[in-house]
């Protein structure tokens, strides 16, 4: 069913008619991972009118000059062709390791949709390799490269880095009067350039633990951030990406070297913090949570019935992490977020 969905989407562009990123290939993969492939085509058909045509190829990106094409959204198809060549000439694992390392400083690209799409595409290709899934990985990497964006970064002197919760306690919220929002998350992240307290955030985190362990801790932390701060559709959408972007980096761990994962993790932390700094209002309390009386099947059914792309992707990310590292925050945040998101 995933391959049928990718074929259906093969002529579609990376954005929707409203200018926002298309979640379609990510939703299709997430629904299959949730065990609901039957819901894929109905979801795509329901959203068909929102899709755009695939943009035309402009000119070849030369391997020696790839940096010049970064952050140029009108070159998505050029980047896709570039990565198709890369995947034709080297194993996917080698391509992913090289390019996750190169693109990691821009992990916040397109409100983190770049890394999220790459995570879903890599997991799909790892499950079954075929031309459709290789093309989707090329498109996913192209989405990340063409929307590349970096956050203010001030590296502190070595020493003083902290575990996730202690590090998060030192993250300062941007005052509401200084926040920038012109209709997109990207605009708010760019607005952090005017908030000097944000730049040192990247150095607060102790990134020395094993990557899988740190991803588990960060996923739970930002699920708590989402639970505490989702009070309307906008904050629910924005802060969902703090969870799903870190989960996406977790999907990539089997396909990248340990050194690449360790180098990327501070940027995943930085990006999730940036979403909180620009849109959050409260720190998550260190209280014990009581999980809702719902099992995984009920939560999946609720997400599918709800239909919003963020609801589906968040449900898949939280339940996958909940299976590995059970925490009451995951069912609690799913109930809370679905209440705030508008049905899709």
Protein backbone atom coordinates (compact mmCIF):
# COMPACT_ATOMS: atom_id res chain seq x y z
CA UNK A 1 0.00 0.00 0.00
CA UNK A 2 2.88 2.38 0.70
CA UNK A 3 4.23 1.80 -2.80
CA UNK A 4 0.77 2.43 -4.25
CA UNK A 5 0.67 5.71 -2.31
CA UNK A 6 4.13 6.75 -3.51
CA UNK A 7 3.11 6.01 -7.10
CA UNK A 8 -0.04 8.09 -6.57
CA UNK A 9 2.10 10.98 -5.29
CA UNK A 10 4.89 10.68 -7.87
CA UNK A 11 3.82 13.78 -9.81
CA UNK A 12 3.16 15.90 -6.71
CA UNK A 13 5.38 18.66 -5.37
CA UNK A 14 6.73 19.08 -1.84
CA UNK A 15 4.25 21.82 -0.92
CA UNK A 16 0.50 22.24 -0.78
CA UNK A 17 -1.57 24.90 -2.55
CA UNK A 18 -1.58 26.94 0.66
CA UNK A 19 2.24 27.07 0.60
CA UNK A 20 2.72 24.71 3.54
CA UNK A 21 4.71 21.47 3.38
CA UNK A 22 2.88 18.42 2.10
CA UNK A 23 2.75 15.67 4.70
CA UNK A 24 1.29 13.10 2.31
CA UNK A 25 4.24 10.66 1.93
CA UNK A 26 4.97 10.88 5.65
CA UNK A 27 1.34 10.21 6.58
CA UNK A 28 1.24 7.23 4.23
CA UNK A 29 4.32 5.69 5.82
CA UNK A 30 3.09 6.44 9.35
CA UNK A 31 -0.30 4.83 8.69
CA UNK A 32 1.43 1.71 7.37
CA UNK A 33 3.68 1.65 10.45
CA UNK A 34 0.55 1.92 12.63
CA UNK A 35 -0.89 -1.15 10.94
CA UNK A 36 -3.55 0.84 9.05
CA UNK A 37 -2.60 0.62 5.37
CA UNK A 38 -6.31 0.51 4.60
CA UNK A 39 -6.54 4.18 5.65
CA UNK A 40 -3.81 5.43 3.29
CA UNK A 41 -5.67 5.85 0.01
CA UNK A 42 -8.83 7.29 1.59
CA UNK A 43 -6.65 9.91 3.33
CA UNK A 44 -4.86 10.78 0.09
CA UNK A 45 -8.10 11.04 -1.86
CA UNK A 46 -9.60 13.29 0.80
CA UNK A 47 -6.65 15.70 0.45
CA UNK A 48 -6.08 15.36 -3.28
CA UNK A 49 -7.23 18.89 -4.14
CA UNK A 50 -4.53 20.33 -1.84
CA UNK A 51 -1.58 18.80 -3.71
CA UNK A 52 0.52 20.74 -6.20
CA UNK A 53 2.30 19.56 -9.32
CA UNK A 54 5.92 18.59 -9.17
CA UNK A 55 8.09 21.62 -10.06
CA UNK A 56 10.24 21.55 -13.18
CA UNK A 57 13.91 20.65 -13.08
CA UNK A 58 16.05 23.78 -13.62
CA UNK A 59 19.73 22.86 -13.78
CA UNK A 60 22.11 20.23 -12.56
CA UNK A 61 23.65 20.60 -9.09
CA UNK A 62 27.36 19.87 -9.39
CA UNK A 63 28.70 17.68 -6.57
CA UNK A 64 31.58 20.07 -5.96
CA UNK A 65 29.26 23.07 -5.59
CA UNK A 66 26.29 21.68 -3.67
CA UNK A 67 26.53 24.34 -0.96
CA UNK A 68 25.55 27.04 -3.45
CA UNK A 69 22.17 25.33 -3.96
CA UNK A 70 21.28 25.03 -0.26
CA UNK A 71 18.20 26.88 1.02
CA UNK A 72 16.83 27.50 -2.47
CA UNK A 73 13.29 26.19 -2.42
CA UNK A 74 12.84 26.65 -6.18
CA UNK A 75 15.54 24.02 -6.70
CA UNK A 76 13.72 21.13 -5.06
CA UNK A 77 13.61 19.12 -8.30
CA UNK A 78 17.29 19.83 -8.94
CA UNK A 79 18.10 18.47 -5.50
CA UNK A 80 15.88 15.45 -6.07
CA UNK A 81 17.76 14.63 -9.28
CA UNK A 82 21.04 15.14 -7.43
CA UNK A 83 20.09 12.70 -4.68
CA UNK A 84 18.71 10.21 -7.19
CA UNK A 85 22.19 10.13 -8.71
CA UNK A 86 23.76 9.79 -5.28
CA UNK A 87 21.51 6.81 -4.46
CA UNK A 88 22.22 5.23 -7.85
CA UNK A 89 25.97 5.35 -7.25
CA UNK A 90 26.24 4.40 -3.56
CA UNK A 91 24.32 2.40 -0.96
CA UNK A 92 21.51 4.30 0.75
CA UNK A 93 23.24 3.95 4.10
CA UNK A 94 26.35 5.66 2.79
CA UNK A 95 24.31 8.47 1.23
CA UNK A 96 22.32 8.98 4.43
CA UNK A 97 25.38 9.05 6.64
CA UNK A 98 27.09 11.62 4.41
CA UNK A 99 24.10 13.88 4.00
CA UNK A 100 22.63 13.73 7.49
CA UNK A 101 26.03 14.95 8.68
CA UNK A 102 26.06 17.75 6.11
CA UNK A 103 22.46 18.84 6.63
CA UNK A 104 22.27 18.44 10.42
CA UNK A 105 23.09 22.12 11.18
CA UNK A 106 19.88 22.92 9.27
CA UNK A 107 17.78 20.33 11.07
CA UNK A 108 15.09 22.96 11.70
CA UNK A 109 14.59 23.28 7.92
CA UNK A 110 10.98 23.83 6.91
CA UNK A 111 9.90 23.66 10.57
CA UNK A 112 11.77 20.29 10.84
CA UNK A 113 9.73 18.70 8.03
CA UNK A 114 12.97 17.96 6.15
CA UNK A 115 14.40 15.58 8.72
CA UNK A 116 10.96 14.15 9.50
CA UNK A 117 10.38 13.22 5.87
CA UNK A 118 13.86 11.73 5.61
CA UNK A 119 13.23 9.64 8.73
CA UNK A 120 10.02 8.19 7.31
CA UNK A 121 11.59 7.60 3.89
CA UNK A 122 14.67 5.88 5.32
CA UNK A 123 12.56 3.56 7.46
CA UNK A 124 10.43 2.66 4.42
CA UNK A 125 13.48 1.96 2.28
CA UNK A 126 14.99 -0.12 5.07
CA UNK A 127 11.85 -2.28 5.11
CA UNK A 128 11.81 -2.88 1.34
CA UNK A 129 14.09 -1.38 -1.27
CA UNK A 130 12.59 -0.50 -4.64
CA UNK A 131 12.68 2.42 -7.11
CA UNK A 132 9.62 4.15 -5.61
CA UNK A 133 11.12 4.17 -2.14
CA UNK A 134 14.53 5.29 -3.40
CA UNK A 135 12.82 8.16 -5.20
CA UNK A 136 10.96 9.12 -2.04
CA UNK A 137 14.25 9.19 -0.11
CA UNK A 138 15.73 11.41 -2.83
CA UNK A 139 12.71 13.71 -2.57
CA UNK A 140 12.93 13.74 1.22
CA UNK A 141 16.60 14.72 1.20
CA UNK A 142 15.79 17.31 -1.48
CA UNK A 143 13.12 18.79 0.78
CA UNK A 144 15.66 19.14 3.60
CA UNK A 145 18.39 20.63 1.40
CA UNK A 146 16.17 23.05 -0.54
CA UNK A 147 14.56 24.44 2.63
CA UNK A 148 17.80 24.46 4.66
CA UNK A 149 17.74 26.89 7.59
CA UNK A 150 20.09 27.35 10.52
CA UNK A 151 19.35 28.71 13.96
CA UNK A 152 21.46 31.17 15.98
CA UNK A 153 24.28 29.14 17.47
CA UNK A 154 26.88 30.21 20.01
CA UNK A 155 29.11 27.37 21.09
CA UNK A 156 30.01 27.59 24.77
CA UNK A 157 33.29 26.47 26.23
CA UNK A 158 33.54 22.78 26.98
CA UNK A 159 32.08 21.64 30.26
CA UNK A 160 28.84 22.40 32.01
CA UNK A 161 26.56 20.47 29.64
CA UNK A 162 23.58 18.91 31.39
CA UNK A 163 21.10 16.02 31.07
CA UNK A 164 17.95 16.93 29.09
CA UNK A 165 15.64 18.03 31.91
CA UNK A 166 18.30 20.06 33.69
CA UNK A 167 19.40 21.62 30.41
CA UNK A 168 15.79 22.47 29.53
CA UNK A 169 15.37 24.29 32.84
CA UNK A 170 17.92 26.84 31.57
CA UNK A 171 16.15 27.53 28.28
CA UNK A 172 14.58 31.00 28.26
CA UNK A 173 11.28 31.75 26.52
CA UNK A 174 11.27 34.58 24.01
CA UNK A 175 9.05 37.35 25.44
CA UNK A 176 5.71 37.46 23.57
CA UNK A 177 6.30 41.07 22.52
CA UNK A 178 9.55 40.09 20.79
CA UNK A 179 8.21 37.09 18.91
CA UNK A 180 7.97 37.11 15.13
CA UNK A 181 5.12 35.27 13.40
CA UNK A 182 4.06 36.09 9.87
CA UNK A 183 1.96 33.00 9.31
CA UNK A 184 4.62 30.27 9.30
CA UNK A 185 6.73 28.46 11.86
CA UNK A 186 9.76 29.22 9.69
CA UNK A 187 9.24 32.96 10.21
CA UNK A 188 9.21 32.51 13.98
CA UNK A 189 12.41 30.45 13.92
CA UNK A 190 14.08 33.14 11.81
CA UNK A 191 12.90 35.65 14.41
CA UNK A 192 15.08 34.02 17.05
CA UNK A 193 18.02 35.88 15.50
CA UNK A 194 16.75 38.87 17.47
CA UNK A 195 16.72 37.00 20.78
CA UNK A 196 20.34 36.69 22.00
CA UNK A 197 19.45 34.32 24.86
CA UNK A 198 18.67 31.56 22.38
CA UNK A 199 22.06 31.13 20.69
CA UNK A 200 23.76 29.34 23.66
CA UNK A 201 20.94 26.76 23.93
CA UNK A 202 22.71 24.27 21.70
CA UNK A 203 25.55 23.96 24.21
CA UNK A 204 23.36 23.25 27.23
CA UNK A 205 22.77 19.59 26.42
CA UNK A 206 25.13 16.80 27.39
CA UNK A 207 25.11 14.78 24.15
CA UNK A 208 27.52 12.09 25.39
CA UNK A 209 24.99 9.31 26.19
CA UNK A 210 24.28 6.64 23.61
CA UNK A 211 22.20 8.21 20.81
CA UNK A 212 19.25 5.83 21.26
CA UNK A 213 19.16 6.57 24.99
CA UNK A 214 19.32 10.31 24.45
CA UNK A 215 16.61 10.21 21.78
CA UNK A 216 14.34 8.36 24.20
CA UNK A 217 14.94 10.98 26.90
CA UNK A 218 14.44 13.90 24.51
CA UNK A 219 11.28 12.41 22.99
CA UNK A 220 9.70 12.06 26.42
CA UNK A 221 10.83 15.55 27.47
CA UNK A 222 9.33 17.26 24.44
CA UNK A 223 6.17 15.16 24.71
CA UNK A 224 5.83 16.72 28.17
CA UNK A 225 6.48 20.16 26.68
CA UNK A 226 3.71 19.54 24.16
CA UNK A 227 1.34 18.27 26.82
CA UNK A 228 1.84 21.38 28.93
CA UNK A 229 1.80 23.96 26.13
CA UNK A 230 -0.76 22.78 23.54
CA UNK A 231 -3.69 25.10 24.16
CA UNK A 232 -4.93 25.78 20.61
CA UNK A 233 -4.45 24.36 17.09
CA UNK A 234 -1.34 26.47 16.40
CA UNK A 235 0.61 25.51 19.53
CA UNK A 236 -0.45 21.88 19.10
CA UNK A 237 0.87 21.83 15.52
CA UNK A 238 4.09 23.68 16.30
CA UNK A 239 5.11 21.72 19.37
CA UNK A 240 4.18 18.38 17.83
CA UNK A 241 7.25 18.85 15.63
CA UNK A 242 9.50 18.89 18.68
CA UNK A 243 8.47 15.27 19.26
CA UNK A 244 8.27 14.00 15.68
CA UNK A 245 11.59 15.54 14.56
CA UNK A 246 13.47 13.77 17.34
CA UNK A 247 11.61 10.55 16.61
CA UNK A 248 12.62 10.92 12.95
CA UNK A 249 16.28 11.14 13.92
CA UNK A 250 15.67 7.91 15.84
CA UNK A 251 14.42 6.30 12.61
CA UNK A 252 17.75 7.21 11.04
CA UNK A 253 19.98 5.59 13.67
CA UNK A 254 20.20 2.22 11.86
CA UNK A 255 21.43 3.98 8.72
CA UNK A 256 24.01 6.46 10.04
CA UNK A 257 27.26 6.06 11.94
CA UNK A 258 27.42 6.68 15.66
CA UNK A 259 29.56 9.78 15.11
CA UNK A 260 26.99 11.23 12.70
CA UNK A 261 24.17 10.60 15.17
CA UNK A 262 26.10 12.24 17.99
CA UNK A 263 26.87 15.26 15.82
CA UNK A 264 23.21 15.61 14.76
CA UNK A 265 21.64 15.25 18.21
CA UNK A 266 22.54 18.75 19.48
CA UNK A 267 20.78 20.21 16.44
CA UNK A 268 17.69 18.08 17.12
CA UNK A 269 17.70 19.41 20.68
CA UNK A 270 18.25 22.95 19.44
CA UNK A 271 15.38 22.74 16.95
CA UNK A 272 12.91 21.35 19.48
CA UNK A 273 13.93 24.04 21.97
CA UNK A 274 13.50 26.71 19.28
CA UNK A 275 9.87 25.70 18.76
CA UNK A 276 9.26 25.95 22.49
CA UNK A 277 11.12 29.26 22.86
CA UNK A 278 9.15 30.88 20.02
CA UNK A 279 5.70 29.47 20.85
CA UNK A 280 5.69 28.04 24.37
CA UNK A 281 4.42 29.54 27.59
CA UNK A 282 5.04 27.05 30.40
CA UNK A 283 7.68 24.60 31.55
CA UNK A 284 6.47 21.03 32.02
CA UNK A 285 6.16 20.28 35.75
CA UNK A 286 8.05 17.33 37.18
CA UNK A 287 4.83 15.72 38.38
CA UNK A 288 3.79 12.11 37.96
CA UNK A 289 1.28 11.58 35.20
CA UNK A 290 -1.68 9.28 35.11
CA UNK A 291 -2.13 7.70 31.71
CA UNK A 292 -5.58 7.75 30.09
CA UNK A 293 -7.36 4.41 30.10
CA UNK A 294 -6.83 3.79 26.39
CA UNK A 295 -4.82 1.07 24.69
CA UNK A 296 -2.74 1.49 21.56
CA UNK A 297 -5.49 0.26 19.25
CA UNK A 298 -7.92 2.84 20.63
CA UNK A 299 -5.37 5.63 20.19
CA UNK A 300 -4.65 4.57 16.61
CA UNK A 301 -8.33 4.48 15.79
CA UNK A 302 -8.82 7.94 17.26
CA UNK A 303 -5.95 9.35 15.18
CA UNK A 304 -7.21 7.77 11.95
CA UNK A 305 -10.75 9.01 12.60
CA UNK A 306 -9.44 12.48 13.47
CA UNK A 307 -7.53 12.63 10.19
CA UNK A 308 -5.13 15.52 10.84
CA UNK A 309 -1.66 14.77 9.48
CA UNK A 310 0.03 15.90 12.69
CA UNK A 311 -2.26 13.70 14.76
CA UNK A 312 -1.39 10.64 12.69
CA UNK A 313 2.36 11.24 12.70
CA UNK A 314 2.45 12.12 16.40
CA UNK A 315 0.48 8.99 17.26
CA UNK A 316 2.92 6.80 15.36
CA UNK A 317 5.96 8.47 16.93
CA UNK A 318 4.60 8.34 20.48
CA UNK A 319 3.35 4.76 20.32
CA UNK A 320 6.64 3.56 18.84
CA UNK A 321 8.56 5.20 21.67
CA UNK A 322 6.00 4.01 24.23
CA UNK A 323 6.62 0.41 23.15
CA UNK A 324 10.36 0.82 23.75
CA UNK A 325 10.24 3.05 26.83
CA UNK A 326 6.76 3.05 28.38
CA UNK A 327 5.69 6.39 29.86
CA UNK A 328 2.25 7.74 30.74
CA UNK A 329 3.11 10.96 28.93
CA UNK A 330 2.59 9.35 25.53
CA UNK A 331 -1.09 8.37 25.80
CA UNK A 332 -1.72 11.57 27.77
CA UNK A 333 -0.19 13.83 25.13
CA UNK A 334 -2.04 12.05 22.33
CA UNK A 335 -5.38 12.65 24.01
CA UNK A 336 -4.52 16.28 24.72
CA UNK A 337 -3.18 17.07 21.26
CA UNK A 338 -6.07 15.47 19.37
CA UNK A 339 -8.41 17.64 21.44
CA UNK A 340 -6.56 20.77 20.27
CA UNK A 341 -5.93 19.94 16.61
CA UNK A 342 -8.62 20.64 14.03
CA UNK A 343 -9.90 17.44 12.38
CA UNK A 344 -8.36 16.78 9.00
